[in-house]
């Protein structure tokens, strides 16, 4: 069987989202999205597909048809449990979970997401804490996200956090890891490397 390899997408033109397509194509076997037969196996294997506004196969179809903005605005990419069931079960060998991760990253960078999305704010707060301290302070993380989504404050249960605190599962104050400077240097190197790759794709 001859494998079809798509190296360019003429429908993009000067679309500012073209780099998202390029990122997906740069994934290992990223071109396999064009072999999707829309069988729905991924949705059947997904433990959270019942809560998705678009099934994994629909997200894949949006990307390969050039409607990346719709894919980025889908709530589904933030509901992905990263369990890789869809990837394992896919008869076309599409790495669906990796595509979802790429879309999440682009959604956070571009600020393109569905109206009530909590995922992008959570991702930013998570990364900021890692860059500052090298580890996560759960209470601070949740409160920071909640400040961006005030409705989330109404769902927080102080009693739950008190029980977790007493059990030693969460800490009220953040702690820095040893060698945080080396971690920051590593982060700077990785950021510079990604920026260099982006320029090559531009």
Protein backbone atom coordinates (compact mmCIF):
# COMPACT_ATOMS: atom_id res chain seq x y z
CA UNK A 1 0.00 0.00 0.00
CA UNK A 2 1.44 3.36 -1.04
CA UNK A 3 1.47 5.97 1.70
CA UNK A 4 0.26 9.42 0.70
CA UNK A 5 2.49 12.17 2.02
CA UNK A 6 1.11 15.70 2.10
CA UNK A 7 3.88 18.29 2.36
CA UNK A 8 1.89 21.45 1.78
CA UNK A 9 -1.62 22.74 2.10
CA UNK A 10 -2.46 25.22 -0.72
CA UNK A 11 -5.68 26.34 0.98
CA UNK A 12 -3.77 28.13 3.73
CA UNK A 13 -2.38 31.00 1.68
CA UNK A 14 -1.34 33.77 4.10
CA UNK A 15 -3.51 32.47 6.94
CA UNK A 16 -1.83 33.32 10.26
CA UNK A 17 -2.74 29.86 11.55
CA UNK A 18 -0.64 28.13 8.90
CA UNK A 19 2.12 27.56 11.46
CA UNK A 20 -0.24 25.30 13.43
CA UNK A 21 -0.58 23.08 10.38
CA UNK A 22 3.21 23.08 9.99
CA UNK A 23 3.67 22.05 13.60
CA UNK A 24 1.33 19.11 13.17
CA UNK A 25 3.13 18.09 9.98
CA UNK A 26 6.44 18.20 11.87
CA UNK A 27 5.14 15.67 14.41
CA UNK A 28 6.34 12.08 13.92
CA UNK A 29 4.04 10.75 11.18
CA UNK A 30 2.02 13.96 11.38
CA UNK A 31 1.02 13.58 7.73
CA UNK A 32 -1.10 10.57 8.68
CA UNK A 33 -4.01 12.89 9.48
CA UNK A 34 -4.74 12.74 5.75
CA UNK A 35 -5.23 8.98 6.02
CA UNK A 36 -8.08 9.34 8.53
CA UNK A 37 -11.10 7.39 7.26
CA UNK A 38 -13.48 8.99 9.78
CA UNK A 39 -14.37 5.57 11.22
CA UNK A 40 -15.02 6.88 14.72
CA UNK A 41 -12.81 4.33 16.47
CA UNK A 42 -11.05 7.14 18.34
CA UNK A 43 -14.30 8.46 19.75
CA UNK A 44 -15.34 4.98 20.83
CA UNK A 45 -12.01 4.49 22.62
CA UNK A 46 -12.03 7.92 24.29
CA UNK A 47 -13.21 7.84 27.94
CA UNK A 48 -14.37 11.48 27.83
CA UNK A 49 -15.86 11.71 24.33
CA UNK A 50 -19.35 11.89 25.86
CA UNK A 51 -18.47 15.38 27.18
CA UNK A 52 -16.81 16.67 24.00
CA UNK A 53 -18.43 19.18 21.67
CA UNK A 54 -16.49 17.59 18.80
CA UNK A 55 -15.24 14.02 18.67
CA UNK A 56 -11.53 13.37 18.00
CA UNK A 57 -12.25 12.43 14.37
CA UNK A 58 -14.09 15.72 13.89
CA UNK A 59 -11.12 17.65 15.29
CA UNK A 60 -8.78 15.80 12.91
CA UNK A 61 -11.10 16.61 10.02
CA UNK A 62 -11.15 20.31 10.93
CA UNK A 63 -7.35 20.44 10.94
CA UNK A 64 -6.82 18.66 7.64
CA UNK A 65 -9.52 20.75 5.92
CA UNK A 66 -7.81 23.98 6.99
CA UNK A 67 -10.36 25.00 9.65
CA UNK A 68 -7.82 25.19 12.45
CA UNK A 69 -9.53 28.16 14.06
CA UNK A 70 -12.59 25.96 14.67
CA UNK A 71 -10.39 23.22 16.10
CA UNK A 72 -8.75 25.70 18.48
CA UNK A 73 -12.14 26.92 19.66
CA UNK A 74 -13.28 23.39 20.39
CA UNK A 75 -13.69 22.43 24.03
CA UNK A 76 -12.58 18.92 23.12
CA UNK A 77 -8.86 19.67 22.99
CA UNK A 78 -8.98 20.70 26.67
CA UNK A 79 -11.01 17.67 27.70
CA UNK A 80 -8.50 15.24 26.21
CA UNK A 81 -7.35 12.94 29.06
CA UNK A 82 -4.02 12.16 27.35
CA UNK A 83 -4.64 8.45 27.86
CA UNK A 84 -3.54 7.61 24.28
CA UNK A 85 -6.43 5.15 23.84
CA UNK A 86 -7.36 6.85 20.57
CA UNK A 87 -3.79 6.67 19.27
CA UNK A 88 -3.45 2.98 20.17
CA UNK A 89 -6.78 2.06 18.58
CA UNK A 90 -6.53 4.20 15.42
CA UNK A 91 -6.40 1.88 12.36
CA UNK A 92 -4.63 4.59 10.35
CA UNK A 93 -1.86 5.04 12.92
CA UNK A 94 -2.69 8.70 13.57
CA UNK A 95 -1.12 10.11 16.73
CA UNK A 96 -4.30 11.86 17.76
CA UNK A 97 -3.16 12.69 21.29
CA UNK A 98 -0.08 14.47 19.94
CA UNK A 99 -2.30 16.50 17.61
CA UNK A 100 -4.46 17.47 20.60
CA UNK A 101 -1.36 18.59 22.52
CA UNK A 102 -0.22 20.71 19.57
CA UNK A 103 -3.63 22.37 19.35
CA UNK A 104 -3.62 23.07 23.10
CA UNK A 105 -0.23 24.77 22.81
CA UNK A 106 -1.35 26.89 19.86
CA UNK A 107 -4.61 27.78 21.62
CA UNK A 108 -2.66 29.05 24.63
CA UNK A 109 -0.14 30.99 22.55
CA UNK A 110 -2.71 32.66 20.30
CA UNK A 111 -5.47 33.15 22.85
CA UNK A 112 -7.92 31.39 20.54
CA UNK A 113 -10.25 29.15 22.51
CA UNK A 114 -13.88 28.70 23.45
CA UNK A 115 -15.46 31.37 25.64
CA UNK A 116 -15.43 29.54 28.96
CA UNK A 117 -12.08 27.80 28.56
CA UNK A 118 -10.19 27.25 31.80
CA UNK A 119 -7.45 25.13 30.22
CA UNK A 120 -5.38 28.00 28.72
CA UNK A 121 -5.29 29.94 32.01
CA UNK A 122 -4.42 26.77 33.91
CA UNK A 123 -1.61 25.96 31.46
CA UNK A 124 -0.12 29.46 31.75
CA UNK A 125 -0.30 29.47 35.55
CA UNK A 126 1.20 25.97 35.69
CA UNK A 127 4.16 26.92 33.47
CA UNK A 128 4.73 30.22 35.31
CA UNK A 129 4.99 28.38 38.63
CA UNK A 130 7.41 25.84 37.19
CA UNK A 131 9.58 28.59 35.73
CA UNK A 132 9.59 30.53 39.02
CA UNK A 133 9.91 27.73 41.57
CA UNK A 134 10.57 24.50 39.72
CA UNK A 135 7.50 22.89 41.32
CA UNK A 136 3.79 23.44 41.76
CA UNK A 137 1.95 24.91 44.77
CA UNK A 138 -1.55 23.51 44.28
CA UNK A 139 -3.49 26.08 46.33
CA UNK A 140 -1.80 29.04 44.66
CA UNK A 141 -2.31 27.46 41.26
CA UNK A 142 -6.05 26.96 41.75
CA UNK A 143 -6.56 30.45 43.21
CA UNK A 144 -4.67 32.06 40.34
CA UNK A 145 -6.81 30.28 37.77
CA UNK A 146 -9.97 31.09 39.73
CA UNK A 147 -9.16 34.79 39.66
CA UNK A 148 -9.33 34.66 35.86
CA UNK A 149 -12.55 32.67 35.98
CA UNK A 150 -14.53 34.14 38.88
CA UNK A 151 -17.28 31.58 38.40
CA UNK A 152 -14.74 28.94 39.42
CA UNK A 153 -14.52 30.47 42.89
CA UNK A 154 -18.10 29.40 43.50
CA UNK A 155 -17.15 25.75 42.95
CA UNK A 156 -14.19 25.72 45.33
CA UNK A 157 -14.74 23.86 48.59
CA UNK A 158 -12.46 25.07 51.44
CA UNK A 159 -13.26 21.89 53.37
CA UNK A 160 -11.64 19.77 50.65
CA UNK A 161 -8.40 21.79 50.77
CA UNK A 162 -8.36 21.70 54.57
CA UNK A 163 -8.54 17.89 54.49
CA UNK A 164 -5.82 17.73 51.86
CA UNK A 165 -3.65 20.12 53.87
CA UNK A 166 -4.05 18.07 57.04
CA UNK A 167 -3.13 14.95 55.09
CA UNK A 168 0.05 16.65 53.86
CA UNK A 169 -1.06 16.50 50.23
CA UNK A 170 -0.97 20.26 49.57
CA UNK A 171 1.03 23.19 50.92
CA UNK A 172 -0.13 26.75 51.35
CA UNK A 173 3.24 28.23 50.42
CA UNK A 174 5.28 27.43 47.36
CA UNK A 175 8.79 26.01 47.60
CA UNK A 176 11.69 26.40 45.23
CA UNK A 177 13.73 23.45 44.08
CA UNK A 178 17.49 23.45 44.39
CA UNK A 179 19.31 24.54 41.26
CA UNK A 180 16.46 26.72 39.97
CA UNK A 181 18.98 28.79 37.99
CA UNK A 182 20.01 25.72 35.98
CA UNK A 183 16.36 24.95 35.32
CA UNK A 184 15.80 28.48 34.03
CA UNK A 185 18.82 28.19 31.73
CA UNK A 186 17.41 24.95 30.34
CA UNK A 187 14.06 26.66 29.76
CA UNK A 188 15.75 29.58 27.97
CA UNK A 189 17.66 27.18 25.74
CA UNK A 190 14.50 25.26 24.83
CA UNK A 191 12.58 28.48 24.13
CA UNK A 192 15.36 29.73 21.86
CA UNK A 193 15.47 26.38 20.03
CA UNK A 194 11.69 26.43 19.44
CA UNK A 195 11.87 30.02 18.19
CA UNK A 196 14.59 28.98 15.75
CA UNK A 197 12.46 26.13 14.44
CA UNK A 198 9.49 28.48 14.03
CA UNK A 199 11.62 30.81 11.88
CA UNK A 200 12.57 27.89 9.64
CA UNK A 201 8.89 27.04 9.15
CA UNK A 202 7.95 30.68 8.44
